[in-house]
Amino acid sequence: MKATVAARGQVTIPKKLREKLGIKPGTVLDFEYVEGKLQARKVTTTDPIEQVYGCLRNISSTDAFIESIRGAA
């Protein structure tokens, strides 16, 4: 697959490759020059908040949770 570099140095990654590699808007790529070739790697960041976000989805509110573990006041 081929792509043309635009005047501002931008390149559009072909849709088939984006889909296959899971590259979406906001995906960070790391570019490197290796033995005369340009390599791009998808940067995988581990956000600790994203890892636990939604794990408490059955709890309706903080007050209800505190009441359930302490009992009614």
N, C-alpha and C. Protein backbone atom coordinates (compact mmCIF):
# COMPACT_ATOMS: atom_id res chain seq x y z
N MET A 1 0.84 -1.17 0.00
CA MET A 1 0.00 0.00 0.00
C MET A 1 0.88 1.23 0.00
N LYS A 2 0.42 2.23 -0.69
CA LYS A 2 1.19 3.46 -0.80
C LYS A 2 0.40 4.63 -0.26
N ALA A 3 1.12 5.64 0.21
CA ALA A 3 0.52 6.89 0.66
C ALA A 3 1.47 8.02 0.26
N THR A 4 0.91 9.18 0.01
CA THR A 4 1.70 10.34 -0.40
C THR A 4 1.86 11.29 0.78
N VAL A 5 3.07 11.81 0.94
CA VAL A 5 3.33 12.79 1.99
C VAL A 5 2.78 14.13 1.55
N ALA A 6 1.97 14.76 2.41
CA ALA A 6 1.38 16.07 2.11
C ALA A 6 2.41 17.17 2.34
N ALA A 7 2.07 18.37 1.94
CA ALA A 7 2.98 19.52 2.05
C ALA A 7 3.44 19.75 3.49
N ARG A 8 2.61 19.45 4.47
CA ARG A 8 2.96 19.67 5.87
C ARG A 8 3.61 18.45 6.51
N GLY A 9 3.97 17.44 5.71
CA GLY A 9 4.63 16.25 6.22
C GLY A 9 3.67 15.19 6.74
N GLN A 10 2.38 15.36 6.49
CA GLN A 10 1.39 14.41 6.98
C GLN A 10 1.19 13.27 5.99
N VAL A 11 0.92 12.08 6.54
CA VAL A 11 0.66 10.91 5.73
C VAL A 11 -0.61 10.25 6.27
N THR A 12 -1.48 9.83 5.37
CA THR A 12 -2.67 9.10 5.78
C THR A 12 -2.36 7.62 5.72
N ILE A 13 -2.55 6.95 6.85
CA ILE A 13 -2.34 5.50 6.90
C ILE A 13 -3.56 4.86 6.26
N PRO A 14 -3.37 3.98 5.29
CA PRO A 14 -4.51 3.35 4.62
C PRO A 14 -5.47 2.70 5.62
N LYS A 15 -6.76 2.80 5.32
CA LYS A 15 -7.81 2.33 6.21
C LYS A 15 -7.65 0.86 6.58
N LYS A 16 -7.31 0.01 5.63
CA LYS A 16 -7.14 -1.42 5.92
C LYS A 16 -6.07 -1.65 6.99
N LEU A 17 -4.97 -0.91 6.91
CA LEU A 17 -3.90 -1.04 7.90
C LEU A 17 -4.35 -0.51 9.26
N ARG A 18 -5.04 0.65 9.27
CA ARG A 18 -5.54 1.20 10.54
C ARG A 18 -6.46 0.21 11.23
N GLU A 19 -7.37 -0.39 10.46
CA GLU A 19 -8.30 -1.35 11.05
C GLU A 19 -7.57 -2.59 11.57
N LYS A 20 -6.65 -3.10 10.78
CA LYS A 20 -5.91 -4.32 11.16
C LYS A 20 -5.06 -4.09 12.41
N LEU A 21 -4.49 -2.89 12.53
CA LEU A 21 -3.59 -2.59 13.64
C LEU A 21 -4.30 -1.92 14.83
N GLY A 22 -5.58 -1.62 14.67
CA GLY A 22 -6.32 -0.97 15.76
C GLY A 22 -5.90 0.46 15.99
N ILE A 23 -5.51 1.15 14.92
CA ILE A 23 -5.11 2.54 15.04
C ILE A 23 -6.34 3.42 14.86
N LYS A 24 -6.66 4.18 15.90
CA LYS A 24 -7.83 5.05 15.92
C LYS A 24 -7.40 6.47 16.20
N PRO A 25 -8.29 7.44 16.01
CA PRO A 25 -7.93 8.82 16.36
C PRO A 25 -7.44 8.90 17.81
N GLY A 26 -6.33 9.54 18.01
CA GLY A 26 -5.75 9.65 19.34
C GLY A 26 -4.67 8.62 19.63
N THR A 27 -4.53 7.60 18.77
CA THR A 27 -3.49 6.60 18.96
C THR A 27 -2.13 7.26 18.77
N VAL A 28 -1.21 6.98 19.68
CA VAL A 28 0.14 7.55 19.59
C VAL A 28 1.04 6.56 18.87
N LEU A 29 1.78 7.06 17.89
CA LEU A 29 2.75 6.24 17.15
C LEU A 29 4.16 6.74 17.44
N ASP A 30 5.10 5.83 17.56
CA ASP A 30 6.51 6.15 17.76
C ASP A 30 7.23 5.83 16.47
N PHE A 31 7.88 6.85 15.89
CA PHE A 31 8.58 6.68 14.62
C PHE A 31 10.07 6.53 14.87
N GLU A 32 10.71 5.68 14.06
CA GLU A 32 12.12 5.40 14.22
C GLU A 32 12.74 5.12 12.85
N TYR A 33 13.96 5.55 12.68
CA TYR A 33 14.72 5.30 11.45
C TYR A 33 15.63 4.11 11.73
N VAL A 34 15.42 3.00 11.01
CA VAL A 34 16.20 1.78 11.22
C VAL A 34 16.67 1.24 9.88
N GLU A 35 17.98 1.21 9.71
CA GLU A 35 18.59 0.65 8.50
C GLU A 35 17.96 1.16 7.22
N GLY A 36 17.80 2.46 7.12
CA GLY A 36 17.27 3.07 5.91
C GLY A 36 15.76 2.99 5.76
N LYS A 37 15.07 2.54 6.79
CA LYS A 37 13.62 2.41 6.72
C LYS A 37 12.96 3.18 7.86
N LEU A 38 11.77 3.64 7.59
CA LEU A 38 10.96 4.30 8.61
C LEU A 38 10.07 3.25 9.26
N GLN A 39 10.15 3.15 10.57
CA GLN A 39 9.29 2.21 11.30
C GLN A 39 8.38 3.00 12.23
N ALA A 40 7.15 2.57 12.31
CA ALA A 40 6.21 3.18 13.23
C ALA A 40 5.67 2.08 14.13
N ARG A 41 5.65 2.38 15.42
CA ARG A 41 5.11 1.42 16.40
C ARG A 41 4.01 2.11 17.19
N LYS A 42 2.96 1.35 17.43
CA LYS A 42 1.87 1.87 18.25
C LYS A 42 2.33 1.87 19.70
N VAL A 43 2.22 3.02 20.34
CA VAL A 43 2.62 3.15 21.74
C VAL A 43 1.45 2.69 22.60
N THR A 44 1.71 1.73 23.46
CA THR A 44 0.67 1.26 24.37
C THR A 44 0.94 1.86 25.74
N THR A 45 0.04 2.72 26.15
CA THR A 45 0.18 3.35 27.46
C THR A 45 -0.79 2.68 28.41
N THR A 46 -0.35 2.50 29.62
CA THR A 46 -1.20 1.89 30.63
C THR A 46 -1.60 2.97 31.62
N ASP A 47 -2.85 3.36 31.54
CA ASP A 47 -3.39 4.37 32.43
C ASP A 47 -4.04 3.65 33.62
N PRO A 48 -3.55 3.86 34.84
CA PRO A 48 -4.10 3.15 35.98
C PRO A 48 -5.58 3.43 36.22
N ILE A 49 -6.05 4.60 35.87
CA ILE A 49 -7.47 4.94 36.03
C ILE A 49 -8.31 4.12 35.05
N GLU A 50 -7.85 4.03 33.79
CA GLU A 50 -8.59 3.24 32.80
C GLU A 50 -8.68 1.77 33.18
N GLN A 51 -7.66 1.26 33.84
CA GLN A 51 -7.66 -0.15 34.22
C GLN A 51 -8.75 -0.49 35.22
N VAL A 52 -9.08 0.44 36.11
CA VAL A 52 -10.08 0.15 37.13
C VAL A 52 -11.42 0.85 36.88
N TYR A 53 -11.47 1.72 35.89
CA TYR A 53 -12.71 2.44 35.63
C TYR A 53 -13.84 1.46 35.31
N GLY A 54 -14.94 1.61 36.00
CA GLY A 54 -16.11 0.78 35.75
C GLY A 54 -16.16 -0.49 36.57
N CYS A 55 -15.16 -0.76 37.40
CA CYS A 55 -15.18 -2.01 38.16
C CYS A 55 -16.23 -2.00 39.27
N LEU A 56 -16.73 -0.84 39.64
CA LEU A 56 -17.75 -0.73 40.68
C LEU A 56 -19.10 -0.34 40.09
N ARG A 57 -19.41 -0.84 38.94
CA ARG A 57 -20.61 -0.37 38.23
C ARG A 57 -21.93 -0.77 38.89
N ASN A 58 -21.96 -1.70 39.82
CA ASN A 58 -23.21 -2.10 40.46
C ASN A 58 -23.59 -1.21 41.64
N ILE A 59 -22.72 -0.34 42.06
CA ILE A 59 -22.98 0.53 43.19
C ILE A 59 -23.64 1.81 42.69
N SER A 60 -24.80 2.14 43.26
CA SER A 60 -25.56 3.29 42.76
C SER A 60 -24.95 4.62 43.20
N SER A 61 -24.45 4.71 44.42
CA SER A 61 -23.83 5.95 44.87
C SER A 61 -22.87 5.64 46.02
N THR A 62 -22.03 6.60 46.33
CA THR A 62 -21.10 6.43 47.44
C THR A 62 -21.86 6.28 48.75
N ASP A 63 -22.89 7.11 48.94
CA ASP A 63 -23.68 7.04 50.17
C ASP A 63 -24.33 5.67 50.34
N ALA A 64 -24.88 5.12 49.25
CA ALA A 64 -25.50 3.80 49.32
C ALA A 64 -24.48 2.72 49.64
N PHE A 65 -23.28 2.84 49.09
CA PHE A 65 -22.23 1.87 49.37
C PHE A 65 -21.80 1.92 50.84
N ILE A 66 -21.57 3.13 51.35
CA ILE A 66 -21.17 3.29 52.76
C ILE A 66 -22.25 2.73 53.67
N GLU A 67 -23.51 3.01 53.36
CA GLU A 67 -24.62 2.51 54.16
C GLU A 67 -24.66 0.98 54.13
N SER A 68 -24.35 0.39 52.95
CA SER A 68 -24.41 -1.07 52.84
C SER A 68 -23.31 -1.74 53.65
N ILE A 69 -22.16 -1.12 53.80
CA ILE A 69 -21.08 -1.76 54.56
C ILE A 69 -21.11 -1.40 56.04
N ARG A 70 -21.70 -0.26 56.40
CA ARG A 70 -21.76 0.16 57.81
C ARG A 70 -23.11 -0.09 58.44
N GLY A 71 -24.14 -0.15 57.62
CA GLY A 71 -25.49 -0.23 58.15
C GLY A 71 -26.09 1.17 58.25
N ALA A 72 -27.39 1.23 58.38
CA ALA A 72 -28.07 2.53 58.46
C ALA A 72 -27.69 3.24 59.75
N ALA A 73 -27.55 4.53 59.68
CA ALA A 73 -27.16 5.32 60.85
C ALA A 73 -28.32 5.65 61.74
